[in-house]
């Protein structure tokens, strides 16, 4: 793991220890289904054993347990591990927690489903993590990841991409203060999207606009804080999955700005 990845883990540790709530739409099964899109139904999680890489504060863990997953292995490398433990304690009998990077897990043929939601685009070397996820699956098991997309984000990257060169170096109090200001701007932009066909309209109305204010601010922080973020083109997302040996790969363009990709481990 290089210095950039270590810094990114540290950034997320700080973020998740300051933003610990997972309530409302932000922690709902409706949002989980929205992330899955047409590739996977939340109903398919019932009775399944799964592993999640990059569990953060336990949001996805609790979502999958609410959907009926029988057991979840949650992998979180940062100091947010303590927040994860607190947030899943009511379901602790069904959760196994590991405080390590995803490339250090060592399971084989154990899980029905491997998930990584919003994590692999924050690592400079996602392939070793993905290969470990596939190794952990039973033959025929499914691997689903969610990635930032390049397509549809060109204007956003031209503006926020430049801003990130500054914000990734800011101390937390200044970063969170800036995020508050930008959240107000995002609220105004979302309101305009109701009347004008603006870029990222689908995302603003059908995702960001459904979140409560705390979750909207967290979303802004999530864009400005991590040391590394890659926005995947369609062919790059597919190539990443193919490189891990997955088959029957399917891809869903979510709200015109990101990719949900799912493949299966060979039988």
Protein backbone atom coordinates (compact mmCIF):
# COMPACT_ATOMS: atom_id res chain seq x y z
CA UNK A 1 0.00 0.00 0.00
CA UNK A 2 1.49 3.34 -1.04
CA UNK A 3 1.46 6.69 0.73
CA UNK A 4 -1.59 7.95 -1.16
CA UNK A 5 -3.67 4.94 -0.11
CA UNK A 6 -2.54 5.30 3.51
CA UNK A 7 -3.49 8.99 3.43
CA UNK A 8 -6.90 8.15 1.91
CA UNK A 9 -7.61 5.61 4.66
CA UNK A 10 -6.66 8.22 7.25
CA UNK A 11 -8.90 10.81 5.57
CA UNK A 12 -11.87 8.46 5.70
CA UNK A 13 -11.13 7.53 9.29
CA UNK A 14 -11.38 11.20 10.23
CA UNK A 15 -14.49 11.68 8.11
CA UNK A 16 -16.40 8.72 9.51
CA UNK A 17 -15.57 9.56 13.11
CA UNK A 18 -17.11 13.00 12.57
CA UNK A 19 -20.14 11.83 10.57
CA UNK A 20 -21.49 8.72 12.27
CA UNK A 21 -25.23 8.77 11.51
CA UNK A 22 -26.83 6.46 8.94
CA UNK A 23 -30.51 7.28 9.34
CA UNK A 24 -33.24 8.37 6.93
CA UNK A 25 -33.03 7.68 3.21
CA UNK A 26 -29.23 7.57 3.52
CA UNK A 27 -29.45 4.28 5.41
CA UNK A 28 -32.56 2.85 3.77
CA UNK A 29 -33.23 -0.26 1.73
CA UNK A 30 -34.64 2.05 -0.94
CA UNK A 31 -31.22 3.59 -1.39
CA UNK A 32 -29.53 0.18 -1.39
CA UNK A 33 -31.86 -0.94 -4.18
CA UNK A 34 -31.11 2.28 -6.04
CA UNK A 35 -27.38 1.49 -5.82
CA UNK A 36 -27.96 -2.07 -7.04
CA UNK A 37 -30.23 -0.90 -9.85
CA UNK A 38 -31.55 -3.67 -12.08
CA UNK A 39 -28.48 -5.85 -11.48
CA UNK A 40 -29.53 -7.24 -8.10
CA UNK A 41 -32.67 -7.18 -5.99
CA UNK A 42 -32.38 -6.59 -2.24
CA UNK A 43 -34.72 -9.57 -1.88
CA UNK A 44 -31.89 -11.77 -3.15
CA UNK A 45 -29.90 -11.00 0.02
CA UNK A 46 -32.24 -13.03 2.21
CA UNK A 47 -30.39 -15.90 3.85
CA UNK A 48 -27.11 -15.04 2.12
CA UNK A 49 -23.64 -14.69 3.64
CA UNK A 50 -21.71 -11.74 2.32
CA UNK A 51 -18.57 -9.70 2.74
CA UNK A 52 -18.29 -5.95 2.38
CA UNK A 53 -15.00 -4.18 1.72
CA UNK A 54 -14.75 -0.68 3.16
CA UNK A 55 -17.60 -0.77 5.66
CA UNK A 56 -17.02 2.70 7.12
CA UNK A 57 -19.68 3.42 9.73
CA UNK A 58 -21.65 0.25 8.98
CA UNK A 59 -24.28 1.81 6.74
CA UNK A 60 -24.24 -0.89 4.05
CA UNK A 61 -23.79 -3.62 6.66
CA UNK A 62 -27.00 -2.64 8.41
CA UNK A 63 -28.81 -2.23 5.09
CA UNK A 64 -27.94 -5.77 4.03
CA UNK A 65 -28.89 -7.19 7.43
CA UNK A 66 -32.23 -5.38 7.19
CA UNK A 67 -32.69 -7.03 3.81
CA UNK A 68 -32.29 -10.44 5.47
CA UNK A 69 -28.63 -11.35 4.99
CA UNK A 70 -27.78 -14.15 7.40
CA UNK A 71 -24.24 -13.00 8.16
CA UNK A 72 -21.99 -10.14 7.06
CA UNK A 73 -18.23 -9.86 7.27
CA UNK A 74 -17.39 -6.15 7.50
CA UNK A 75 -13.89 -5.04 6.52
CA UNK A 76 -12.79 -1.52 7.51
CA UNK A 77 -9.12 -0.44 7.66
CA UNK A 78 -9.47 3.01 9.24
CA UNK A 79 -10.10 4.30 12.76
CA UNK A 80 -13.79 4.33 11.80
CA UNK A 81 -13.68 0.66 12.83
CA UNK A 82 -14.74 1.80 16.31
CA UNK A 83 -17.75 3.64 14.87
CA UNK A 84 -18.59 0.54 12.84
CA UNK A 85 -18.58 -1.59 16.00
CA UNK A 86 -20.93 0.84 17.74
CA UNK A 87 -23.33 1.17 14.80
CA UNK A 88 -23.75 -2.59 14.23
CA UNK A 89 -23.82 -3.66 17.88
CA UNK A 90 -27.55 -4.48 17.77
CA UNK A 91 -26.77 -7.01 15.03
CA UNK A 92 -23.37 -8.09 16.38
CA UNK A 93 -24.32 -11.78 16.42
CA UNK A 94 -24.61 -11.65 12.63
CA UNK A 95 -21.54 -9.51 11.96
CA UNK A 96 -17.86 -10.42 11.84
CA UNK A 97 -15.59 -7.36 11.77
CA UNK A 98 -12.02 -7.04 10.51
CA UNK A 99 -9.84 -3.96 10.94
CA UNK A 100 -7.60 -4.35 7.89
CA UNK A 101 -7.30 -3.27 4.23
CA UNK A 102 -9.23 -5.26 1.65
CA UNK A 103 -6.09 -6.68 0.08
CA UNK A 104 -5.27 -8.43 3.38
CA UNK A 105 -8.40 -10.58 3.69
CA UNK A 106 -7.82 -14.29 3.21
CA UNK A 107 -11.09 -16.14 2.64
CA UNK A 108 -11.78 -18.77 0.03
CA UNK A 109 -15.09 -20.08 -1.33
CA UNK A 110 -17.00 -18.73 1.69
CA UNK A 111 -19.48 -16.03 0.62
CA UNK A 112 -22.51 -15.79 -1.65
CA UNK A 113 -21.92 -12.11 -2.36
CA UNK A 114 -19.02 -9.66 -2.14
CA UNK A 115 -19.78 -5.93 -2.06
CA UNK A 116 -17.70 -2.79 -2.24
CA UNK A 117 -19.77 0.39 -2.47
CA UNK A 118 -17.89 3.61 -3.16
CA UNK A 119 -14.51 2.26 -2.11
CA UNK A 120 -12.45 0.92 -5.01
CA UNK A 121 -12.39 4.28 -6.78
CA UNK A 122 -10.51 5.62 -3.74
CA UNK A 123 -7.59 3.22 -4.02
CA UNK A 124 -4.73 3.51 -6.47
CA UNK A 125 -4.47 -0.30 -6.73
CA UNK A 126 -7.99 -1.79 -6.72
CA UNK A 127 -7.15 -4.99 -8.62
CA UNK A 128 -5.56 -6.88 -5.66
CA UNK A 129 -8.56 -6.03 -3.48
CA UNK A 130 -11.02 -7.18 -6.12
CA UNK A 131 -9.13 -10.44 -6.63
CA UNK A 132 -9.31 -11.13 -2.88
CA UNK A 133 -13.06 -10.46 -3.03
CA UNK A 134 -13.48 -12.95 -5.86
CA UNK A 135 -11.34 -15.52 -4.05
CA UNK A 136 -13.64 -15.22 -1.04
CA UNK A 137 -16.72 -16.12 -3.09
CA UNK A 138 -18.27 -19.53 -3.49
CA UNK A 139 -18.27 -20.78 -7.10
CA UNK A 140 -21.10 -18.93 -8.83
CA UNK A 141 -21.08 -16.22 -6.15
CA UNK A 142 -21.64 -12.62 -7.17
CA UNK A 143 -19.38 -9.60 -6.81
CA UNK A 144 -20.94 -6.13 -6.98
CA UNK A 145 -19.08 -2.82 -6.88
CA UNK A 146 -20.14 0.80 -7.22
CA UNK A 147 -17.76 3.32 -8.81
CA UNK A 148 -17.69 6.99 -9.67
CA UNK A 149 -18.22 7.41 -13.40
CA UNK A 150 -16.33 9.70 -15.75
CA UNK A 151 -19.15 9.98 -18.25
CA UNK A 152 -21.63 12.61 -17.12
CA UNK A 153 -19.18 14.17 -14.66
CA UNK A 154 -17.01 16.11 -17.09
CA UNK A 155 -18.27 19.56 -16.01
CA UNK A 156 -18.19 18.55 -12.35
CA UNK A 157 -14.60 17.33 -12.63
CA UNK A 158 -13.55 20.55 -14.36
CA UNK A 159 -14.70 22.50 -11.31
CA UNK A 160 -14.54 20.27 -8.24
CA UNK A 161 -11.46 18.51 -9.58
CA UNK A 162 -9.56 21.77 -9.33
CA UNK A 163 -11.09 22.55 -5.93
CA UNK A 164 -9.96 19.16 -4.59
CA UNK A 165 -6.32 20.11 -5.08
CA UNK A 166 -6.91 22.52 -2.20
CA UNK A 167 -9.57 20.80 -0.08
CA UNK A 168 -7.67 17.52 0.30
CA UNK A 169 -5.04 19.51 2.21
CA UNK A 170 -7.38 21.48 4.47
CA UNK A 171 -7.68 20.73 8.20
CA UNK A 172 -11.04 19.22 9.13
CA UNK A 173 -12.62 22.35 10.68
CA UNK A 174 -12.01 24.39 7.51
CA UNK A 175 -13.08 21.53 5.26
CA UNK A 176 -16.33 21.02 7.16
CA UNK A 177 -17.02 24.76 7.13
CA UNK A 178 -16.50 24.91 3.37
CA UNK A 179 -18.76 21.87 2.97
CA UNK A 180 -21.52 23.73 4.81
CA UNK A 181 -21.32 26.60 2.32
CA UNK A 182 -21.23 24.25 -0.66
CA UNK A 183 -24.21 22.30 0.71
CA UNK A 184 -26.24 25.52 0.59
CA UNK A 185 -25.12 25.99 -3.02
CA UNK A 186 -26.04 22.38 -3.82
CA UNK A 187 -29.50 22.88 -2.28
CA UNK A 188 -30.04 25.91 -4.53
CA UNK A 189 -28.83 23.97 -7.58
CA UNK A 190 -31.14 21.06 -6.74
CA UNK A 191 -34.05 23.47 -6.54
CA UNK A 192 -33.21 24.85 -9.98
CA UNK A 193 -33.11 21.32 -11.39
CA UNK A 194 -36.85 21.05 -10.70
CA UNK A 195 -37.45 23.70 -13.34
CA UNK A 196 -34.39 23.64 -15.63
CA UNK A 197 -32.67 20.73 -17.39
CA UNK A 198 -29.26 21.23 -15.77
CA UNK A 199 -26.23 18.87 -15.75
CA UNK A 200 -26.57 16.01 -13.21
CA UNK A 201 -30.31 16.73 -12.86
CA UNK A 202 -31.16 13.06 -12.33
CA UNK A 203 -28.59 12.72 -9.54
CA UNK A 204 -29.61 15.95 -7.83
CA UNK A 205 -33.34 15.17 -7.81
CA UNK A 206 -33.32 11.40 -7.37
CA UNK A 207 -30.45 11.00 -4.95
CA UNK A 208 -29.03 14.11 -3.29
CA UNK A 209 -32.43 15.76 -2.96
CA UNK A 210 -33.80 12.74 -1.07
CA UNK A 211 -31.16 12.97 1.66
CA UNK A 212 -31.59 14.96 4.86
CA UNK A 213 -29.34 17.96 5.39
CA UNK A 214 -26.71 16.11 7.45
CA UNK A 215 -26.35 13.45 4.77
CA UNK A 216 -26.16 16.08 2.04
CA UNK A 217 -23.31 17.80 3.86
CA UNK A 218 -21.58 14.44 4.32
CA UNK A 219 -21.93 13.84 0.58
CA UNK A 220 -20.14 17.12 -0.11
CA UNK A 221 -17.39 16.25 2.40
CA UNK A 222 -17.08 12.85 0.72
CA UNK A 223 -16.22 14.59 -2.55
CA UNK A 224 -13.69 17.03 -1.09
CA UNK A 225 -11.91 15.00 1.58
CA UNK A 226 -10.21 11.80 0.28
CA UNK A 227 -6.66 12.10 -1.01
CA UNK A 228 -7.44 9.96 -4.07
CA UNK A 229 -10.49 9.52 -6.27
CA UNK A 230 -10.73 8.01 -9.75
CA UNK A 231 -13.70 8.49 -12.07
CA UNK A 232 -14.08 5.37 -14.19
CA UNK A 233 -14.98 5.25 -17.85
CA UNK A 234 -17.31 2.42 -18.83
CA UNK A 235 -14.58 0.36 -20.46
CA UNK A 236 -12.28 0.83 -17.45
CA UNK A 237 -14.96 -0.43 -15.06
CA UNK A 238 -15.56 -3.50 -17.21
CA UNK A 239 -11.81 -4.15 -17.59
CA UNK A 240 -11.34 -4.02 -13.81
CA UNK A 241 -13.95 -6.74 -13.30
CA UNK A 242 -12.58 -8.88 -16.14
CA UNK A 243 -9.06 -8.63 -14.69
CA UNK A 244 -10.32 -10.36 -11.52
CA UNK A 245 -11.59 -13.33 -13.54
CA UNK A 246 -15.30 -12.55 -13.18
CA UNK A 247 -17.76 -13.71 -15.82
CA UNK A 248 -21.28 -12.69 -16.86
CA UNK A 249 -20.39 -9.08 -16.11
CA UNK A 250 -23.26 -6.60 -16.19
CA UNK A 251 -23.12 -2.84 -15.85
CA UNK A 252 -25.68 -0.21 -14.84
CA UNK A 253 -25.24 3.53 -15.32
CA UNK A 254 -26.69 4.99 -12.14
CA UNK A 255 -28.28 8.44 -12.41
CA UNK A 256 -26.01 9.33 -15.30
CA UNK A 257 -22.94 9.80 -13.10
CA UNK A 258 -21.72 6.44 -11.75
CA UNK A 259 -21.40 2.74 -12.50
CA UNK A 260 -22.75 -0.26 -10.65
CA UNK A 261 -21.00 -3.37 -11.97
CA UNK A 262 -21.66 -7.01 -11.11
CA UNK A 263 -19.99 -10.24 -12.15
CA UNK A 264 -19.95 -13.88 -11.11
CA UNK A 265 -17.19 -16.21 -9.99
CA UNK A 266 -16.80 -19.10 -12.39
CA UNK A 267 -18.43 -22.36 -11.30
